[in-house]
Amino acid sequence: MTKNQRLVYIALLAAQAVIISLLERAIPFPFAVAPGAKLGLANMITCMAIYTLPVKDAFKVVSIRLVLATLLGGTISTFMYSAAGALLSFFGMLLVKNLGRTHVSLIGVSTTGAVLHNVGQLVVASWIAQTWTVMLYLPVLSFIGILSGIAIGIAANYLLTHIEKLQYYKDLRELKQL
């Protein structure tokens, strides 16, 4: 795979994640018991990046999504919440994927990312509110995060099995092993 092909793949994943993020903002909250909870559909693209790209390039996908989604429809506070959640989620997903390579599936990695995303956002909320009582919302968000992480993990697993059949993916695996 050439450098240009790799850059195009990174750009495609980032563009998909930005579009999914913007569409998800337009959807009303699906969970009445957890105001502010979202499905985290862009996490599917993060999973694809983690499983198909080197760490450095997967981080680029997440960073580009954060910046562009904020520029296209966010504020500084949404950037702070999103960045804290996305970065903690990304590094936690990498850790779980690498530590439990044979024991943890993509669904487990996705669920870890969903829960850690909530933790990151609540830490920022606690910092802004200057009280740790905001963290009392964590059990509710963790339950919703587990459910959505499982759903997103199943969808990402399905998507990954179809991507693995493509010649393009085989080229990406060769690149990742370098």
N, C-alpha and C. Protein backbone atom coordinates (compact mmCIF):
# COMPACT_ATOMS: atom_id res chain seq x y z
N MET A 1 0.84 -1.17 0.00
CA MET A 1 0.00 0.00 0.00
C MET A 1 0.89 1.24 0.00
N THR A 2 0.56 2.16 -0.85
CA THR A 2 1.35 3.39 -0.93
C THR A 2 0.94 4.36 0.18
N LYS A 3 1.78 5.36 0.35
CA LYS A 3 1.50 6.37 1.36
C LYS A 3 0.19 7.11 1.04
N ASN A 4 -0.04 7.37 -0.24
CA ASN A 4 -1.27 8.07 -0.64
C ASN A 4 -2.51 7.23 -0.34
N GLN A 5 -2.43 5.94 -0.59
CA GLN A 5 -3.57 5.06 -0.29
C GLN A 5 -3.87 5.04 1.21
N ARG A 6 -2.82 5.02 2.00
CA ARG A 6 -2.99 5.03 3.45
C ARG A 6 -3.63 6.33 3.91
N LEU A 7 -3.18 7.46 3.35
CA LEU A 7 -3.76 8.75 3.71
C LEU A 7 -5.22 8.86 3.30
N VAL A 8 -5.55 8.30 2.15
CA VAL A 8 -6.94 8.31 1.70
C VAL A 8 -7.80 7.46 2.64
N TYR A 9 -7.29 6.32 3.07
CA TYR A 9 -8.04 5.47 4.00
C TYR A 9 -8.26 6.18 5.34
N ILE A 10 -7.23 6.85 5.83
CA ILE A 10 -7.37 7.62 7.07
C ILE A 10 -8.40 8.71 6.90
N ALA A 11 -8.34 9.41 5.78
CA ALA A 11 -9.30 10.50 5.52
C ALA A 11 -10.72 9.97 5.39
N LEU A 12 -10.89 8.82 4.76
CA LEU A 12 -12.22 8.23 4.64
C LEU A 12 -12.79 7.84 6.00
N LEU A 13 -11.98 7.21 6.83
CA LEU A 13 -12.45 6.85 8.17
C LEU A 13 -12.79 8.10 8.98
N ALA A 14 -11.94 9.12 8.90
CA ALA A 14 -12.21 10.35 9.65
C ALA A 14 -13.48 11.03 9.15
N ALA A 15 -13.66 11.07 7.83
CA ALA A 15 -14.87 11.69 7.28
C ALA A 15 -16.12 10.93 7.69
N GLN A 16 -16.06 9.62 7.68
CA GLN A 16 -17.20 8.82 8.12
C GLN A 16 -17.51 9.09 9.59
N ALA A 17 -16.48 9.18 10.41
CA ALA A 17 -16.68 9.43 11.84
C ALA A 17 -17.28 10.81 12.07
N VAL A 18 -16.84 11.81 11.32
CA VAL A 18 -17.38 13.17 11.46
C VAL A 18 -18.85 13.20 11.07
N ILE A 19 -19.18 12.57 9.96
CA ILE A 19 -20.57 12.56 9.50
C ILE A 19 -21.46 11.83 10.50
N ILE A 20 -20.99 10.70 10.99
CA ILE A 20 -21.76 9.95 11.98
C ILE A 20 -21.95 10.78 13.25
N SER A 21 -20.90 11.48 13.68
CA SER A 21 -21.00 12.33 14.88
C SER A 21 -22.04 13.43 14.68
N LEU A 22 -22.02 14.06 13.53
CA LEU A 22 -22.97 15.14 13.26
C LEU A 22 -24.40 14.61 13.16
N LEU A 23 -24.56 13.46 12.54
CA LEU A 23 -25.90 12.87 12.46
C LEU A 23 -26.42 12.46 13.83
N GLU A 24 -25.50 11.96 14.66
CA GLU A 24 -25.91 11.52 15.99
C GLU A 24 -26.35 12.71 16.86
N ARG A 25 -25.73 13.87 16.64
CA ARG A 25 -26.15 15.06 17.37
C ARG A 25 -27.58 15.47 17.01
N ALA A 26 -28.00 15.16 15.79
CA ALA A 26 -29.34 15.53 15.33
C ALA A 26 -30.42 14.60 15.86
N ILE A 27 -30.01 13.41 16.33
CA ILE A 27 -30.97 12.44 16.86
C ILE A 27 -31.31 12.82 18.29
N PRO A 28 -32.58 12.85 18.64
CA PRO A 28 -32.94 13.12 20.04
C PRO A 28 -32.39 12.03 20.96
N PHE A 29 -32.22 12.36 22.22
CA PHE A 29 -31.67 11.40 23.17
C PHE A 29 -32.56 10.17 23.24
N PRO A 30 -32.01 8.99 22.99
CA PRO A 30 -32.83 7.78 23.01
C PRO A 30 -33.10 7.24 24.42
N PHE A 31 -32.39 7.74 25.41
CA PHE A 31 -32.51 7.19 26.75
C PHE A 31 -33.14 8.23 27.67
N ALA A 32 -34.39 8.02 28.05
CA ALA A 32 -35.09 8.97 28.91
C ALA A 32 -34.51 8.99 30.32
N VAL A 33 -33.99 7.87 30.79
CA VAL A 33 -33.45 7.80 32.15
C VAL A 33 -32.05 8.39 32.25
N ALA A 34 -31.40 8.62 31.12
CA ALA A 34 -30.03 9.14 31.14
C ALA A 34 -29.91 10.33 30.18
N PRO A 35 -30.31 11.51 30.63
CA PRO A 35 -30.20 12.68 29.77
C PRO A 35 -28.75 12.91 29.34
N GLY A 36 -28.56 13.19 28.08
CA GLY A 36 -27.22 13.42 27.55
C GLY A 36 -26.54 12.18 27.03
N ALA A 37 -27.08 11.01 27.29
CA ALA A 37 -26.46 9.77 26.81
C ALA A 37 -26.69 9.63 25.31
N LYS A 38 -25.68 9.14 24.63
CA LYS A 38 -25.78 8.91 23.19
C LYS A 38 -25.36 7.47 22.90
N LEU A 39 -25.64 7.05 21.69
CA LEU A 39 -25.28 5.69 21.30
C LEU A 39 -23.78 5.53 21.05
N GLY A 40 -23.10 6.58 20.64
CA GLY A 40 -21.67 6.49 20.36
C GLY A 40 -21.37 5.79 19.06
N LEU A 41 -22.12 6.12 18.04
CA LEU A 41 -21.97 5.44 16.75
C LEU A 41 -20.59 5.67 16.11
N ALA A 42 -19.98 6.81 16.39
CA ALA A 42 -18.64 7.08 15.83
C ALA A 42 -17.60 6.13 16.41
N ASN A 43 -17.92 5.49 17.53
CA ASN A 43 -17.02 4.51 18.13
C ASN A 43 -16.79 3.32 17.18
N MET A 44 -17.75 3.08 16.30
CA MET A 44 -17.59 2.00 15.33
C MET A 44 -16.40 2.29 14.41
N ILE A 45 -16.26 3.55 14.01
CA ILE A 45 -15.15 3.93 13.14
C ILE A 45 -13.84 3.87 13.92
N THR A 46 -13.87 4.25 15.19
CA THR A 46 -12.67 4.15 16.02
C THR A 46 -12.23 2.69 16.13
N CYS A 47 -13.18 1.79 16.30
CA CYS A 47 -12.86 0.36 16.35
C CYS A 47 -12.23 -0.11 15.03
N MET A 48 -12.79 0.35 13.92
CA MET A 48 -12.23 -0.02 12.62
C MET A 48 -10.80 0.50 12.49
N ALA A 49 -10.56 1.72 12.95
CA ALA A 49 -9.22 2.29 12.86
C ALA A 49 -8.24 1.52 13.73
N ILE A 50 -8.66 1.17 14.94
CA ILE A 50 -7.78 0.44 15.86
C ILE A 50 -7.43 -0.94 15.31
N TYR A 51 -8.38 -1.58 14.67
CA TYR A 51 -8.15 -2.95 14.19
C TYR A 51 -7.54 -3.00 12.79
N THR A 52 -7.55 -1.90 12.04
CA THR A 52 -7.02 -1.96 10.67
C THR A 52 -5.82 -1.07 10.43
N LEU A 53 -5.50 -0.18 11.35
CA LEU A 53 -4.40 0.75 11.15
C LEU A 53 -3.38 0.65 12.28
N PRO A 54 -2.16 1.13 12.01
CA PRO A 54 -1.21 1.27 13.12
C PRO A 54 -1.74 2.29 14.14
N VAL A 55 -1.24 2.24 15.35
CA VAL A 55 -1.73 3.09 16.44
C VAL A 55 -1.63 4.57 16.06
N LYS A 56 -0.53 4.96 15.48
CA LYS A 56 -0.32 6.37 15.11
C LYS A 56 -1.40 6.84 14.14
N ASP A 57 -1.74 6.03 13.17
CA ASP A 57 -2.75 6.42 12.18
C ASP A 57 -4.16 6.36 12.77
N ALA A 58 -4.41 5.40 13.65
CA ALA A 58 -5.72 5.34 14.32
C ALA A 58 -5.92 6.57 15.19
N PHE A 59 -4.84 7.03 15.84
CA PHE A 59 -4.92 8.24 16.64
C PHE A 59 -5.22 9.46 15.76
N LYS A 60 -4.67 9.47 14.56
CA LYS A 60 -4.97 10.56 13.62
C LYS A 60 -6.45 10.60 13.28
N VAL A 61 -7.05 9.44 13.07
CA VAL A 61 -8.48 9.37 12.75
C VAL A 61 -9.29 9.97 13.89
N VAL A 62 -8.97 9.59 15.12
CA VAL A 62 -9.71 10.10 16.29
C VAL A 62 -9.50 11.60 16.44
N SER A 63 -8.28 12.07 16.26
CA SER A 63 -7.98 13.50 16.40
C SER A 63 -8.70 14.33 15.34
N ILE A 64 -8.67 13.86 14.12
CA ILE A 64 -9.34 14.59 13.04
C ILE A 64 -10.84 14.65 13.30
N ARG A 65 -11.41 13.54 13.75
CA ARG A 65 -12.85 13.53 14.06
C ARG A 65 -13.18 14.53 15.15
N LEU A 66 -12.38 14.56 16.19
CA LEU A 66 -12.62 15.49 17.29
C LEU A 66 -12.63 16.94 16.81
N VAL A 67 -11.60 17.31 16.09
CA VAL A 67 -11.45 18.70 15.65
C VAL A 67 -12.54 19.09 14.65
N LEU A 68 -12.76 18.25 13.64
CA LEU A 68 -13.74 18.61 12.61
C LEU A 68 -15.17 18.60 13.14
N ALA A 69 -15.51 17.64 13.98
CA ALA A 69 -16.86 17.61 14.53
C ALA A 69 -17.12 18.83 15.40
N THR A 70 -16.09 19.27 16.12
CA THR A 70 -16.24 20.48 16.93
C THR A 70 -16.38 21.72 16.05
N LEU A 71 -15.56 21.81 15.03
CA LEU A 71 -15.62 22.97 14.14
C LEU A 71 -16.95 23.04 13.39
N LEU A 72 -17.52 21.91 13.06
CA LEU A 72 -18.75 21.88 12.28
C LEU A 72 -20.02 21.96 13.11
N GLY A 73 -19.93 21.81 14.40
CA GLY A 73 -21.17 21.85 15.17
C GLY A 73 -20.98 21.79 16.65
N GLY A 74 -19.93 22.40 17.16
CA GLY A 74 -19.70 22.31 18.59
C GLY A 74 -19.18 23.60 19.17
N THR A 75 -18.87 23.53 20.44
CA THR A 75 -18.32 24.66 21.18
C THR A 75 -17.07 24.19 21.90
N ILE A 76 -16.45 25.12 22.62
CA ILE A 76 -15.26 24.75 23.39
C ILE A 76 -15.61 23.70 24.45
N SER A 77 -16.77 23.86 25.08
CA SER A 77 -17.14 22.89 26.12
C SER A 77 -17.41 21.51 25.51
N THR A 78 -18.06 21.47 24.35
CA THR A 78 -18.27 20.15 23.72
C THR A 78 -16.94 19.54 23.30
N PHE A 79 -15.99 20.39 22.90
CA PHE A 79 -14.67 19.87 22.56
C PHE A 79 -13.98 19.27 23.79
N MET A 80 -14.09 19.97 24.92
CA MET A 80 -13.44 19.46 26.14
C MET A 80 -14.05 18.12 26.55
N TYR A 81 -15.38 18.03 26.54
CA TYR A 81 -16.03 16.77 26.91
C TYR A 81 -15.68 15.66 25.92
N SER A 82 -15.77 15.99 24.63
CA SER A 82 -15.50 14.98 23.60
C SER A 82 -14.04 14.53 23.63
N ALA A 83 -13.13 15.48 23.79
CA ALA A 83 -11.71 15.13 23.79
C ALA A 83 -11.36 14.25 24.97
N ALA A 84 -11.85 14.61 26.15
CA ALA A 84 -11.55 13.79 27.33
C ALA A 84 -12.11 12.39 27.16
N GLY A 85 -13.35 12.30 26.71
CA GLY A 85 -13.96 10.98 26.52
C GLY A 85 -13.29 10.18 25.43
N ALA A 86 -13.03 10.83 24.29
CA ALA A 86 -12.46 10.11 23.15
C ALA A 86 -11.04 9.64 23.42
N LEU A 87 -10.23 10.48 24.06
CA LEU A 87 -8.84 10.09 24.31
C LEU A 87 -8.73 8.98 25.35
N LEU A 88 -9.48 9.12 26.44
CA LEU A 88 -9.48 8.05 27.45
C LEU A 88 -10.02 6.76 26.85
N SER A 89 -11.06 6.87 26.07
CA SER A 89 -11.65 5.71 25.41
C SER A 89 -10.65 5.06 24.45
N PHE A 90 -9.99 5.88 23.62
CA PHE A 90 -9.05 5.37 22.63
C PHE A 90 -7.91 4.60 23.30
N PHE A 91 -7.29 5.21 24.31
CA PHE A 91 -6.16 4.55 24.95
C PHE A 91 -6.60 3.33 25.77
N GLY A 92 -7.77 3.39 26.35
CA GLY A 92 -8.29 2.22 27.05
C GLY A 92 -8.60 1.08 26.10
N MET A 93 -9.16 1.41 24.95
CA MET A 93 -9.45 0.37 23.96
C MET A 93 -8.17 -0.27 23.45
N LEU A 94 -7.14 0.55 23.22
CA LEU A 94 -5.85 0.00 22.79
C LEU A 94 -5.27 -0.93 23.85
N LEU A 95 -5.34 -0.50 25.10
CA LEU A 95 -4.80 -1.30 26.19
C LEU A 95 -5.52 -2.64 26.30
N VAL A 96 -6.84 -2.61 26.25
CA VAL A 96 -7.61 -3.86 26.36
C VAL A 96 -7.36 -4.75 25.15
N LYS A 97 -7.29 -4.15 23.97
CA LYS A 97 -7.04 -4.94 22.76
C LYS A 97 -5.67 -5.63 22.83
N ASN A 98 -4.66 -4.91 23.28
CA ASN A 98 -3.31 -5.47 23.31
C ASN A 98 -3.09 -6.41 24.49
N LEU A 99 -3.69 -6.14 25.64
CA LEU A 99 -3.52 -7.01 26.80
C LEU A 99 -4.30 -8.31 26.66
N GLY A 100 -5.49 -8.19 26.12
CA GLY A 100 -6.35 -9.36 26.03
C GLY A 100 -6.57 -9.83 24.62
N ARG A 101 -5.51 -9.80 23.84
CA ARG A 101 -5.61 -10.11 22.41
C ARG A 101 -6.34 -11.43 22.13
N THR A 102 -6.13 -12.43 22.98
CA THR A 102 -6.77 -13.72 22.75
C THR A 102 -8.04 -13.90 23.57
N HIS A 103 -8.24 -13.05 24.58
CA HIS A 103 -9.36 -13.24 25.50
C HIS A 103 -10.47 -12.22 25.35
N VAL A 104 -10.19 -11.07 24.73
CA VAL A 104 -11.18 -10.01 24.61
C VAL A 104 -11.50 -9.79 23.15
N SER A 105 -12.79 -9.85 22.84
CA SER A 105 -13.22 -9.66 21.46
C SER A 105 -13.38 -8.18 21.15
N LEU A 106 -13.71 -7.88 19.93
CA LEU A 106 -13.99 -6.51 19.50
C LEU A 106 -15.16 -5.94 20.28
N ILE A 107 -16.09 -6.78 20.65
CA ILE A 107 -17.25 -6.33 21.44
C ILE A 107 -16.79 -5.87 22.82
N GLY A 108 -15.88 -6.59 23.44
CA GLY A 108 -15.34 -6.19 24.73
C GLY A 108 -14.52 -4.91 24.64
N VAL A 109 -13.77 -4.77 23.57
CA VAL A 109 -12.99 -3.55 23.35
C VAL A 109 -13.92 -2.35 23.18
N SER A 110 -14.98 -2.53 22.41
CA SER A 110 -15.95 -1.46 22.20
C SER A 110 -16.66 -1.08 23.49
N THR A 111 -17.02 -2.06 24.28
CA THR A 111 -17.68 -1.79 25.56
C THR A 111 -16.75 -1.05 26.51
N THR A 112 -15.49 -1.43 26.53
CA THR A 112 -14.50 -0.71 27.34
C THR A 112 -14.43 0.75 26.91
N GLY A 113 -14.40 0.97 25.61
CA GLY A 113 -14.35 2.33 25.09
C GLY A 113 -15.57 3.14 25.47
N ALA A 114 -16.74 2.52 25.44
CA ALA A 114 -17.97 3.23 25.77
C ALA A 114 -17.99 3.66 27.24
N VAL A 115 -17.58 2.76 28.12
CA VAL A 115 -17.58 3.09 29.55
C VAL A 115 -16.52 4.14 29.86
N LEU A 116 -15.33 3.99 29.28
CA LEU A 116 -14.27 4.96 29.54
C LEU A 116 -14.59 6.34 28.96
N HIS A 117 -15.33 6.36 27.87
CA HIS A 117 -15.76 7.65 27.30
C HIS A 117 -16.62 8.40 28.33
N ASN A 118 -17.52 7.67 28.96
CA ASN A 118 -18.36 8.28 30.00
C ASN A 118 -17.53 8.76 31.19
N VAL A 119 -16.55 7.97 31.59
CA VAL A 119 -15.68 8.36 32.70
C VAL A 119 -14.95 9.65 32.36
N GLY A 120 -14.38 9.73 31.16
CA GLY A 120 -13.66 10.94 30.75
C GLY A 120 -14.55 12.17 30.75
N GLN A 121 -15.77 12.02 30.24
CA GLN A 121 -16.68 13.16 30.22
C GLN A 121 -17.08 13.58 31.63
N LEU A 122 -17.31 12.63 32.50
CA LEU A 122 -17.71 12.98 33.87
C LEU A 122 -16.56 13.60 34.66
N VAL A 123 -15.33 13.21 34.36
CA VAL A 123 -14.18 13.85 35.02
C VAL A 123 -14.11 15.32 34.62
N VAL A 124 -14.32 15.61 33.34
CA VAL A 124 -14.34 17.01 32.89
C VAL A 124 -15.51 17.75 33.52
N ALA A 125 -16.67 17.12 33.58
CA ALA A 125 -17.83 17.75 34.21
C ALA A 125 -17.56 18.03 35.69
N SER A 126 -16.89 17.12 36.37
CA SER A 126 -16.54 17.32 37.78
C SER A 126 -15.57 18.47 37.93
N TRP A 127 -14.64 18.56 37.02
CA TRP A 127 -13.66 19.64 37.05
C TRP A 127 -14.35 20.99 36.82
N ILE A 128 -15.25 21.05 35.86
CA ILE A 128 -15.97 22.30 35.58
C ILE A 128 -16.89 22.68 36.74
N ALA A 129 -17.61 21.72 37.28
CA ALA A 129 -18.54 21.98 38.38
C ALA A 129 -17.81 22.11 39.72
N GLN A 130 -16.55 21.74 39.75
CA GLN A 130 -15.72 21.76 40.95
C GLN A 130 -16.32 20.95 42.10
N THR A 131 -16.89 19.82 41.73
CA THR A 131 -17.40 18.88 42.73
C THR A 131 -17.38 17.47 42.13
N TRP A 132 -17.09 16.50 42.97
CA TRP A 132 -17.05 15.12 42.52
C TRP A 132 -18.42 14.46 42.56
N THR A 133 -19.43 15.16 43.03
CA THR A 133 -20.77 14.56 43.09
C THR A 133 -21.33 14.26 41.71
N VAL A 134 -20.77 14.89 40.68
CA VAL A 134 -21.17 14.59 39.30
C VAL A 134 -20.91 13.12 38.98
N MET A 135 -19.91 12.56 39.62
CA MET A 135 -19.56 11.16 39.37
C MET A 135 -20.63 10.19 39.85
N LEU A 136 -21.60 10.66 40.61
CA LEU A 136 -22.71 9.80 41.03
C LEU A 136 -23.57 9.37 39.85
N TYR A 137 -23.42 10.07 38.73
CA TYR A 137 -24.13 9.75 37.50
C TYR A 137 -23.46 8.60 36.74
N LEU A 138 -22.26 8.22 37.17
CA LEU A 138 -21.48 7.20 36.47
C LEU A 138 -22.17 5.83 36.38
N PRO A 139 -22.82 5.32 37.42
CA PRO A 139 -23.46 4.00 37.27
C PRO A 139 -24.54 3.98 36.19
N VAL A 140 -25.32 5.05 36.11
CA VAL A 140 -26.36 5.11 35.08
C VAL A 140 -25.73 5.17 33.69
N LEU A 141 -24.73 6.06 33.52
CA LEU A 141 -24.07 6.16 32.22
C LEU A 141 -23.28 4.90 31.88
N SER A 142 -22.73 4.24 32.88
CA SER A 142 -21.98 3.00 32.62
C SER A 142 -22.91 1.90 32.12
N PHE A 143 -24.09 1.80 32.70
CA PHE A 143 -25.05 0.80 32.24
C PHE A 143 -25.45 1.06 30.78
N ILE A 144 -25.75 2.31 30.47
CA ILE A 144 -26.09 2.68 29.09
C ILE A 144 -24.89 2.46 28.19
N GLY A 145 -23.68 2.79 28.69
CA GLY A 145 -22.46 2.60 27.91
C GLY A 145 -22.19 1.13 27.60
N ILE A 146 -22.47 0.26 28.56
CA ILE A 146 -22.28 -1.18 28.33
C ILE A 146 -23.23 -1.67 27.24
N LEU A 147 -24.48 -1.26 27.32
CA LEU A 147 -25.45 -1.67 26.31
C LEU A 147 -25.09 -1.15 24.92
N SER A 148 -24.76 0.13 24.85
CA SER A 148 -24.42 0.68 23.54
C SER A 148 -23.08 0.15 23.05
N GLY A 149 -22.14 -0.09 23.97
CA GLY A 149 -20.85 -0.65 23.57
C GLY A 149 -20.99 -2.04 22.98
N ILE A 150 -21.88 -2.83 23.55
CA ILE A 150 -22.14 -4.17 22.99
C ILE A 150 -22.75 -4.05 21.60
N ALA A 151 -23.73 -3.17 21.46
CA ALA A 151 -24.39 -3.00 20.15
C ALA A 151 -23.41 -2.50 19.10
N ILE A 152 -22.61 -1.51 19.44
CA ILE A 152 -21.63 -0.96 18.50
C ILE A 152 -20.55 -2.01 18.22
N GLY A 153 -20.15 -2.77 19.22
CA GLY A 153 -19.16 -3.82 19.02
C GLY A 153 -19.64 -4.90 18.07
N ILE A 154 -20.91 -5.27 18.19
CA ILE A 154 -21.48 -6.27 17.27
C ILE A 154 -21.47 -5.73 15.84
N ALA A 155 -21.89 -4.48 15.68
CA ALA A 155 -21.89 -3.87 14.34
C ALA A 155 -20.47 -3.75 13.79
N ALA A 156 -19.53 -3.33 14.63
CA ALA A 156 -18.14 -3.20 14.18
C ALA A 156 -17.53 -4.56 13.85
N ASN A 157 -17.88 -5.59 14.60
CA ASN A 157 -17.39 -6.94 14.33
C ASN A 157 -17.90 -7.43 12.98
N TYR A 158 -19.17 -7.16 12.72
CA TYR A 158 -19.76 -7.52 11.42
C TYR A 158 -19.05 -6.77 10.29
N LEU A 159 -18.81 -5.49 10.49
CA LEU A 159 -18.13 -4.68 9.48
C LEU A 159 -16.70 -5.16 9.26
N LEU A 160 -16.00 -5.48 10.34
CA LEU A 160 -14.62 -5.93 10.22
C LEU A 160 -14.51 -7.25 9.48
N THR A 161 -15.45 -8.17 9.69
CA THR A 161 -15.39 -9.45 8.97
C THR A 161 -15.54 -9.25 7.47
N HIS A 162 -16.28 -8.24 7.07
CA HIS A 162 -16.43 -7.97 5.64
C HIS A 162 -15.24 -7.19 5.09
N ILE A 163 -14.64 -6.35 5.91
CA ILE A 163 -13.45 -5.61 5.47
C ILE A 163 -12.28 -6.57 5.27
N GLU A 164 -12.19 -7.59 6.12
CA GLU A 164 -11.08 -8.54 6.03
C GLU A 164 -11.06 -9.30 4.71
N LYS A 165 -12.18 -9.35 4.03
CA LYS A 165 -12.26 -10.06 2.76
C LYS A 165 -11.69 -9.25 1.60
N LEU A 166 -11.49 -7.96 1.79
CA LEU A 166 -11.02 -7.08 0.72
C LEU A 166 -9.51 -7.15 0.57
N GLN A 167 -9.04 -7.01 -0.64
CA GLN A 167 -7.61 -6.97 -0.91
C GLN A 167 -6.98 -5.75 -0.24
N TYR A 168 -7.73 -4.67 -0.20
CA TYR A 168 -7.26 -3.44 0.42
C TYR A 168 -6.89 -3.67 1.88
N TYR A 169 -7.68 -4.47 2.57
CA TYR A 169 -7.41 -4.77 3.98
C TYR A 169 -6.13 -5.59 4.11
N LYS A 170 -5.92 -6.51 3.20
CA LYS A 170 -4.70 -7.32 3.25
C LYS A 170 -3.47 -6.44 3.10
N ASP A 171 -3.58 -5.40 2.26
CA ASP A 171 -2.49 -4.44 2.14
C ASP A 171 -2.29 -3.66 3.44
N LEU A 172 -3.39 -3.33 4.11
CA LEU A 172 -3.32 -2.61 5.38
C LEU A 172 -2.65 -3.47 6.45
N ARG A 173 -2.95 -4.76 6.45
CA ARG A 173 -2.32 -5.66 7.44
C ARG A 173 -0.81 -5.71 7.24
N GLU A 174 -0.39 -5.73 5.98
CA GLU A 174 1.04 -5.72 5.70
C GLU A 174 1.68 -4.45 6.20
N LEU A 175 0.99 -3.32 6.02
CA LEU A 175 1.48 -2.04 6.50
C LEU A 175 1.56 -2.02 8.03
N LYS A 176 0.57 -2.59 8.67
CA LYS A 176 0.50 -2.58 10.13
C LYS A 176 1.62 -3.41 10.73
N GLN A 177 2.07 -4.45 10.03
CA GLN A 177 3.11 -5.32 10.54
C GLN A 177 4.49 -4.69 10.38
N LEU A 178 4.60 -3.64 9.59
CA LEU A 178 5.91 -2.99 9.40
C LEU A 178 6.31 -2.17 10.58
